[in-house]
């Protein structure tokens, strides 16, 4: 798969959005700063934990002018059954055929799914009620994060383990313009 790099045009897509309707990147979000997060299957505890964290930090993201988009590799029914119960104030998108995941170059890794560094995120997810569920989907699919501005990729970060995402501090520093070029080299969180 071809990975995206900084400066590339963000590939456009149309996906079902929770709870209903469709979302087109070029129409609904092209003029904004976007944190596009590609997630694994809808019952993934790491992914649901990340959505929980995004909800918790949404006010900070909004104040910084960042619109988060969470794209699950799952049908809309599965997204509704799991992440949708958290009622996020941002779009949850369903990529059941993995078309957007492929378009953006998301990769798979058995070692990344089994990486022991996922353990702390697993414990945190288990401590929160109703995060995660049955494994229906690509267990070895790794997450990826993209910072988009005006339809262009500012940063592409591909996870090497199932619980790896850009940190909120990194995203907020980018949004505020206080991040240097070296800062935009993938600071990640659990």
C-alpha atoms as a PDB file:
ATOM      1  CA  UNK A   1       0.000   0.000   0.000  1.00  0.00           C
ATOM      2  CA  UNK A   2       1.120   3.518  -0.733  1.00  0.00           C
ATOM      3  CA  UNK A   3       1.431   5.711   2.305  1.00  0.00           C
ATOM      4  CA  UNK A   4       0.534   9.379   2.261  1.00  0.00           C
ATOM      5  CA  UNK A   5       3.157  12.011   2.973  1.00  0.00           C
ATOM      6  CA  UNK A   6       3.076  15.650   4.058  1.00  0.00           C
ATOM      7  CA  UNK A   7       2.065  17.942   1.233  1.00  0.00           C
ATOM      8  CA  UNK A   8      -0.099  15.390  -0.563  1.00  0.00           C
ATOM      9  CA  UNK A   9      -3.700  16.150  -1.402  1.00  0.00           C
ATOM     10  CA  UNK A  10      -5.950  14.331   1.082  1.00  0.00           C
ATOM     11  CA  UNK A  11      -7.882  11.716  -0.918  1.00  0.00           C
ATOM     12  CA  UNK A  12     -11.576  12.500  -0.985  1.00  0.00           C
ATOM     13  CA  UNK A  13     -14.106   9.939   0.225  1.00  0.00           C
ATOM     14  CA  UNK A  14     -17.767   9.463   1.027  1.00  0.00           C
ATOM     15  CA  UNK A  15     -18.764   7.237   3.959  1.00  0.00           C
ATOM     16  CA  UNK A  16     -21.859   6.548   6.046  1.00  0.00           C
ATOM     17  CA  UNK A  17     -21.868   8.644   9.218  1.00  0.00           C
ATOM     18  CA  UNK A  18     -23.364   7.678  12.585  1.00  0.00           C
ATOM     19  CA  UNK A  19     -26.286   7.852  13.261  1.00  0.00           C
ATOM     20  CA  UNK A  20     -27.396   8.371   9.646  1.00  0.00           C
ATOM     21  CA  UNK A  21     -26.509  10.056   6.389  1.00  0.00           C
ATOM     22  CA  UNK A  22     -23.227  10.360   4.552  1.00  0.00           C
ATOM     23  CA  UNK A  23     -20.067  12.379   4.999  1.00  0.00           C
ATOM     24  CA  UNK A  24     -17.916  13.678   2.104  1.00  0.00           C
ATOM     25  CA  UNK A  25     -14.501  14.940   3.146  1.00  0.00           C
ATOM     26  CA  UNK A  26     -14.220  17.522   0.343  1.00  0.00           C
ATOM     27  CA  UNK A  27     -17.664  18.971   1.089  1.00  0.00           C
ATOM     28  CA  UNK A  28     -18.064  18.634   4.838  1.00  0.00           C
ATOM     29  CA  UNK A  29     -14.554  19.340   6.099  1.00  0.00           C
ATOM     30  CA  UNK A  30     -12.231  20.662   3.392  1.00  0.00           C
ATOM     31  CA  UNK A  31     -11.812  24.186   4.780  1.00  0.00           C
ATOM     32  CA  UNK A  32     -11.016  23.090   8.332  1.00  0.00           C
ATOM     33  CA  UNK A  33      -8.138  21.618  10.257  1.00  0.00           C
ATOM     34  CA  UNK A  34      -8.979  17.928  10.500  1.00  0.00           C
ATOM     35  CA  UNK A  35      -7.622  15.165  12.700  1.00  0.00           C
ATOM     36  CA  UNK A  36      -8.570  12.097  10.668  1.00  0.00           C
ATOM     37  CA  UNK A  37      -8.215   8.935  12.740  1.00  0.00           C
ATOM     38  CA  UNK A  38      -8.432   5.532  11.062  1.00  0.00           C
ATOM     39  CA  UNK A  39      -9.486   2.921  13.590  1.00  0.00           C
ATOM     40  CA  UNK A  40      -9.818  -0.842  13.643  1.00  0.00           C
ATOM     41  CA  UNK A  41     -13.038  -2.855  14.060  1.00  0.00           C
ATOM     42  CA  UNK A  42     -15.923  -1.259  15.987  1.00  0.00           C
ATOM     43  CA  UNK A  43     -15.519  -3.474  19.072  1.00  0.00           C
ATOM     44  CA  UNK A  44     -11.787  -2.724  19.359  1.00  0.00           C
ATOM     45  CA  UNK A  45     -11.145  -1.709  22.992  1.00  0.00           C
ATOM     46  CA  UNK A  46      -8.151   0.472  22.026  1.00  0.00           C
ATOM     47  CA  UNK A  47     -10.207   2.288  19.394  1.00  0.00           C
ATOM     48  CA  UNK A  48     -13.156   2.863  21.703  1.00  0.00           C
ATOM     49  CA  UNK A  49     -10.772   4.107  24.387  1.00  0.00           C
ATOM     50  CA  UNK A  50      -9.319   6.564  21.868  1.00  0.00           C
ATOM     51  CA  UNK A  51     -12.820   7.762  20.929  1.00  0.00           C
ATOM     52  CA  UNK A  52     -13.538   8.173  24.660  1.00  0.00           C
ATOM     53  CA  UNK A  53     -10.391  10.288  25.015  1.00  0.00           C
ATOM     54  CA  UNK A  54     -11.366  12.338  21.940  1.00  0.00           C
ATOM     55  CA  UNK A  55     -14.774  13.023  23.511  1.00  0.00           C
ATOM     56  CA  UNK A  56     -13.114  14.038  26.782  1.00  0.00           C
ATOM     57  CA  UNK A  57     -10.751  16.418  24.958  1.00  0.00           C
ATOM     58  CA  UNK A  58     -13.258  17.633  22.359  1.00  0.00           C
ATOM     59  CA  UNK A  59     -13.609  21.110  23.909  1.00  0.00           C
ATOM     60  CA  UNK A  60      -9.821  21.587  23.627  1.00  0.00           C
ATOM     61  CA  UNK A  61      -9.829  20.365  20.033  1.00  0.00           C
ATOM     62  CA  UNK A  62     -12.761  22.590  19.100  1.00  0.00           C
ATOM     63  CA  UNK A  63     -11.171  25.633  20.758  1.00  0.00           C
ATOM     64  CA  UNK A  64      -8.027  24.970  18.709  1.00  0.00           C
ATOM     65  CA  UNK A  65     -10.079  24.795  15.512  1.00  0.00           C
ATOM     66  CA  UNK A  66      -9.632  21.056  14.977  1.00  0.00           C
ATOM     67  CA  UNK A  67     -12.444  18.807  13.808  1.00  0.00           C
ATOM     68  CA  UNK A  68     -11.817  15.153  14.701  1.00  0.00           C
ATOM     69  CA  UNK A  69     -13.112  12.440  12.367  1.00  0.00           C
ATOM     70  CA  UNK A  70     -13.108   8.824  13.537  1.00  0.00           C
ATOM     71  CA  UNK A  71     -13.277   6.199  10.786  1.00  0.00           C
ATOM     72  CA  UNK A  72     -13.938   2.622  11.881  1.00  0.00           C
ATOM     73  CA  UNK A  73     -13.182  -0.386   9.689  1.00  0.00           C
ATOM     74  CA  UNK A  74     -16.704  -1.664  10.276  1.00  0.00           C
ATOM     75  CA  UNK A  75     -20.294  -1.485   9.066  1.00  0.00           C
ATOM     76  CA  UNK A  76     -22.460   1.336  10.440  1.00  0.00           C
ATOM     77  CA  UNK A  77     -24.486  -1.108  12.583  1.00  0.00           C
ATOM     78  CA  UNK A  78     -21.324  -2.165  14.433  1.00  0.00           C
ATOM     79  CA  UNK A  79     -20.232   1.463  14.893  1.00  0.00           C
ATOM     80  CA  UNK A  80     -23.674   2.257  16.370  1.00  0.00           C
ATOM     81  CA  UNK A  81     -23.490  -0.768  18.677  1.00  0.00           C
ATOM     82  CA  UNK A  82     -20.117   0.210  20.149  1.00  0.00           C
ATOM     83  CA  UNK A  83     -18.597   3.685  19.665  1.00  0.00           C
ATOM     84  CA  UNK A  84     -21.998   5.217  18.919  1.00  0.00           C
ATOM     85  CA  UNK A  85     -23.081   4.507  22.507  1.00  0.00           C
ATOM     86  CA  UNK A  86     -20.520   7.083  23.610  1.00  0.00           C
ATOM     87  CA  UNK A  87     -22.461   9.788  21.670  1.00  0.00           C
ATOM     88  CA  UNK A  88     -19.430  11.701  20.415  1.00  0.00           C
ATOM     89  CA  UNK A  89     -19.850  15.336  19.338  1.00  0.00           C
ATOM     90  CA  UNK A  90     -17.901  14.618  16.134  1.00  0.00           C
ATOM     91  CA  UNK A  91     -18.515  12.335  13.144  1.00  0.00           C
ATOM     92  CA  UNK A  92     -18.111   8.567  13.471  1.00  0.00           C
ATOM     93  CA  UNK A  93     -17.721   7.083  10.005  1.00  0.00           C
ATOM     94  CA  UNK A  94     -18.140   3.487   8.852  1.00  0.00           C
ATOM     95  CA  UNK A  95     -15.646   2.077   6.336  1.00  0.00           C
ATOM     96  CA  UNK A  96     -17.007  -1.479   6.169  1.00  0.00           C
ATOM     97  CA  UNK A  97     -15.129  -2.397   2.967  1.00  0.00           C
ATOM     98  CA  UNK A  98     -11.866  -0.773   4.176  1.00  0.00           C
ATOM     99  CA  UNK A  99     -11.821   1.394   1.033  1.00  0.00           C
ATOM    100  CA  UNK A 100     -10.719   4.534   2.912  1.00  0.00           C
ATOM    101  CA  UNK A 101      -8.242   2.583   5.036  1.00  0.00           C
ATOM    102  CA  UNK A 102      -6.640   1.302   1.813  1.00  0.00           C
ATOM    103  CA  UNK A 103      -6.841   4.723   0.133  1.00  0.00           C
ATOM    104  CA  UNK A 104      -4.932   6.268   3.035  1.00  0.00           C
ATOM    105  CA  UNK A 105      -2.396   3.417   3.202  1.00  0.00           C
ATOM    106  CA  UNK A 106      -3.321   1.805   6.536  1.00  0.00           C
ATOM    107  CA  UNK A 107      -1.325  -1.337   7.168  1.00  0.00           C
ATOM    108  CA  UNK A 108      -1.764  -4.613   9.019  1.00  0.00           C
ATOM    109  CA  UNK A 109       0.579  -6.214  11.507  1.00  0.00           C
ATOM    110  CA  UNK A 110       0.237  -9.352  13.600  1.00  0.00           C
ATOM    111  CA  UNK A 111       3.108  -8.166  15.803  1.00  0.00           C
ATOM    112  CA  UNK A 112       1.429  -4.769  16.230  1.00  0.00           C
ATOM    113  CA  UNK A 113      -1.762  -6.466  17.395  1.00  0.00           C
ATOM    114  CA  UNK A 114       0.203  -8.513  19.944  1.00  0.00           C
ATOM    115  CA  UNK A 115       2.640  -5.774  21.019  1.00  0.00           C
ATOM    116  CA  UNK A 116       2.969  -5.781  24.840  1.00  0.00           C
ATOM    117  CA  UNK A 117       2.807  -1.956  24.843  1.00  0.00           C
ATOM    118  CA  UNK A 118      -0.917  -2.366  24.083  1.00  0.00           C
ATOM    119  CA  UNK A 119      -1.423  -3.860  27.546  1.00  0.00           C
ATOM    120  CA  UNK A 120      -1.751  -0.589  29.492  1.00  0.00           C
ATOM    121  CA  UNK A 121      -4.367   0.702  27.012  1.00  0.00           C
ATOM    122  CA  UNK A 122      -6.210  -2.615  27.339  1.00  0.00           C
ATOM    123  CA  UNK A 123      -6.317  -2.255  31.139  1.00  0.00           C
ATOM    124  CA  UNK A 124      -7.548   1.340  30.862  1.00  0.00           C
ATOM    125  CA  UNK A 125     -10.246   0.343  28.349  1.00  0.00           C
ATOM    126  CA  UNK A 126     -11.392  -2.493  30.599  1.00  0.00           C
ATOM    127  CA  UNK A 127     -11.759  -0.080  33.522  1.00  0.00           C
ATOM    128  CA  UNK A 128     -14.328   1.979  31.597  1.00  0.00           C
ATOM    129  CA  UNK A 129     -17.830   0.567  31.193  1.00  0.00           C
ATOM    130  CA  UNK A 130     -18.988  -0.566  27.762  1.00  0.00           C
ATOM    131  CA  UNK A 131     -15.801   0.149  25.828  1.00  0.00           C
ATOM    132  CA  UNK A 132     -15.150  -2.519  23.258  1.00  0.00           C
ATOM    133  CA  UNK A 133     -17.006  -5.610  22.271  1.00  0.00           C
ATOM    134  CA  UNK A 134     -16.801  -8.679  20.070  1.00  0.00           C
ATOM    135  CA  UNK A 135     -14.019  -9.036  17.571  1.00  0.00           C
ATOM    136  CA  UNK A 136     -15.671  -8.651  14.187  1.00  0.00           C
ATOM    137  CA  UNK A 137     -13.213  -7.361  11.668  1.00  0.00           C
ATOM    138  CA  UNK A 138      -9.559  -7.033  10.816  1.00  0.00           C
ATOM    139  CA  UNK A 139      -7.765  -7.662  14.105  1.00  0.00           C
ATOM    140  CA  UNK A 140      -4.349  -7.050  12.580  1.00  0.00           C
ATOM    141  CA  UNK A 141      -5.302  -3.683  11.031  1.00  0.00           C
ATOM    142  CA  UNK A 142      -3.229  -0.876  12.540  1.00  0.00           C
ATOM    143  CA  UNK A 143      -4.550   2.628  13.280  1.00  0.00           C
ATOM    144  CA  UNK A 144      -3.364   5.716  11.430  1.00  0.00           C
ATOM    145  CA  UNK A 145      -3.684   9.445  12.101  1.00  0.00           C
ATOM    146  CA  UNK A 146      -3.674  12.284   9.587  1.00  0.00           C
ATOM    147  CA  UNK A 147      -3.512  16.007  10.231  1.00  0.00           C
ATOM    148  CA  UNK A 148      -5.211  17.773   7.338  1.00  0.00           C
ATOM    149  CA  UNK A 149      -5.417  21.482   6.611  1.00  0.00           C
ATOM    150  CA  UNK A 150      -7.282  22.920   3.642  1.00  0.00           C
ATOM    151  CA  UNK A 151      -7.506  19.504   2.032  1.00  0.00           C
ATOM    152  CA  UNK A 152      -3.751  18.863   2.274  1.00  0.00           C
ATOM    153  CA  UNK A 153      -1.919  16.312   4.422  1.00  0.00           C
ATOM    154  CA  UNK A 154       0.222  18.118   6.985  1.00  0.00           C
ATOM    155  CA  UNK A 155       1.245  14.892   8.715  1.00  0.00           C
ATOM    156  CA  UNK A 156       0.600  11.189   8.239  1.00  0.00           C
ATOM    157  CA  UNK A 157       1.298   8.908  11.191  1.00  0.00           C
ATOM    158  CA  UNK A 158       0.942   5.152  10.781  1.00  0.00           C
ATOM    159  CA  UNK A 159       0.650   3.120  13.981  1.00  0.00           C
ATOM    160  CA  UNK A 160       3.032   0.230  14.572  1.00  0.00           C
ATOM    161  CA  UNK A 161       0.815  -1.174  17.316  1.00  0.00           C
ATOM    162  CA  UNK A 162      -2.933  -1.429  17.829  1.00  0.00           C
ATOM    163  CA  UNK A 163      -3.117   1.271  20.520  1.00  0.00           C
ATOM    164  CA  UNK A 164      -0.820   3.871  18.934  1.00  0.00           C
ATOM    165  CA  UNK A 165      -2.148   7.327  17.983  1.00  0.00           C
ATOM    166  CA  UNK A 166      -0.855  10.869  17.843  1.00  0.00           C
ATOM    167  CA  UNK A 167      -1.045  12.475  21.272  1.00  0.00           C
ATOM    168  CA  UNK A 168      -3.537  15.233  21.994  1.00  0.00           C
ATOM    169  CA  UNK A 169      -0.671  17.531  22.916  1.00  0.00           C
ATOM    170  CA  UNK A 170       0.872  16.939  19.501  1.00  0.00           C
ATOM    171  CA  UNK A 171      -2.401  17.670  17.685  1.00  0.00           C
ATOM    172  CA  UNK A 172      -3.054  20.799  19.759  1.00  0.00           C
ATOM    173  CA  UNK A 173       0.501  22.070  19.193  1.00  0.00           C
ATOM    174  CA  UNK A 174       0.010  21.608  15.443  1.00  0.00           C
ATOM    175  CA  UNK A 175      -3.335  23.407  15.530  1.00  0.00           C
ATOM    176  CA  UNK A 176      -1.942  26.354  17.472  1.00  0.00           C
ATOM    177  CA  UNK A 177       1.013  26.682  15.142  1.00  0.00           C
ATOM    178  CA  UNK A 178       3.471  26.161  17.993  1.00  0.00           C
ATOM    179  CA  UNK A 179       4.760  22.847  16.648  1.00  0.00           C
ATOM    180  CA  UNK A 180       8.074  22.967  14.835  1.00  0.00           C
ATOM    181  CA  UNK A 181       8.903  20.778  11.848  1.00  0.00           C
ATOM    182  CA  UNK A 182      10.716  18.345  14.174  1.00  0.00           C
ATOM    183  CA  UNK A 183       7.693  18.244  16.477  1.00  0.00           C
ATOM    184  CA  UNK A 184       5.583  17.048  13.563  1.00  0.00           C
ATOM    185  CA  UNK A 185       7.345  13.709  13.408  1.00  0.00           C
ATOM    186  CA  UNK A 186       4.807  11.556  15.130  1.00  0.00           C
ATOM    187  CA  UNK A 187       4.646  12.083  18.877  1.00  0.00           C
ATOM    188  CA  UNK A 188       2.305   9.328  19.911  1.00  0.00           C
ATOM    189  CA  UNK A 189       0.266   8.214  22.867  1.00  0.00           C
ATOM    190  CA  UNK A 190      -0.652   4.760  24.126  1.00  0.00           C
END
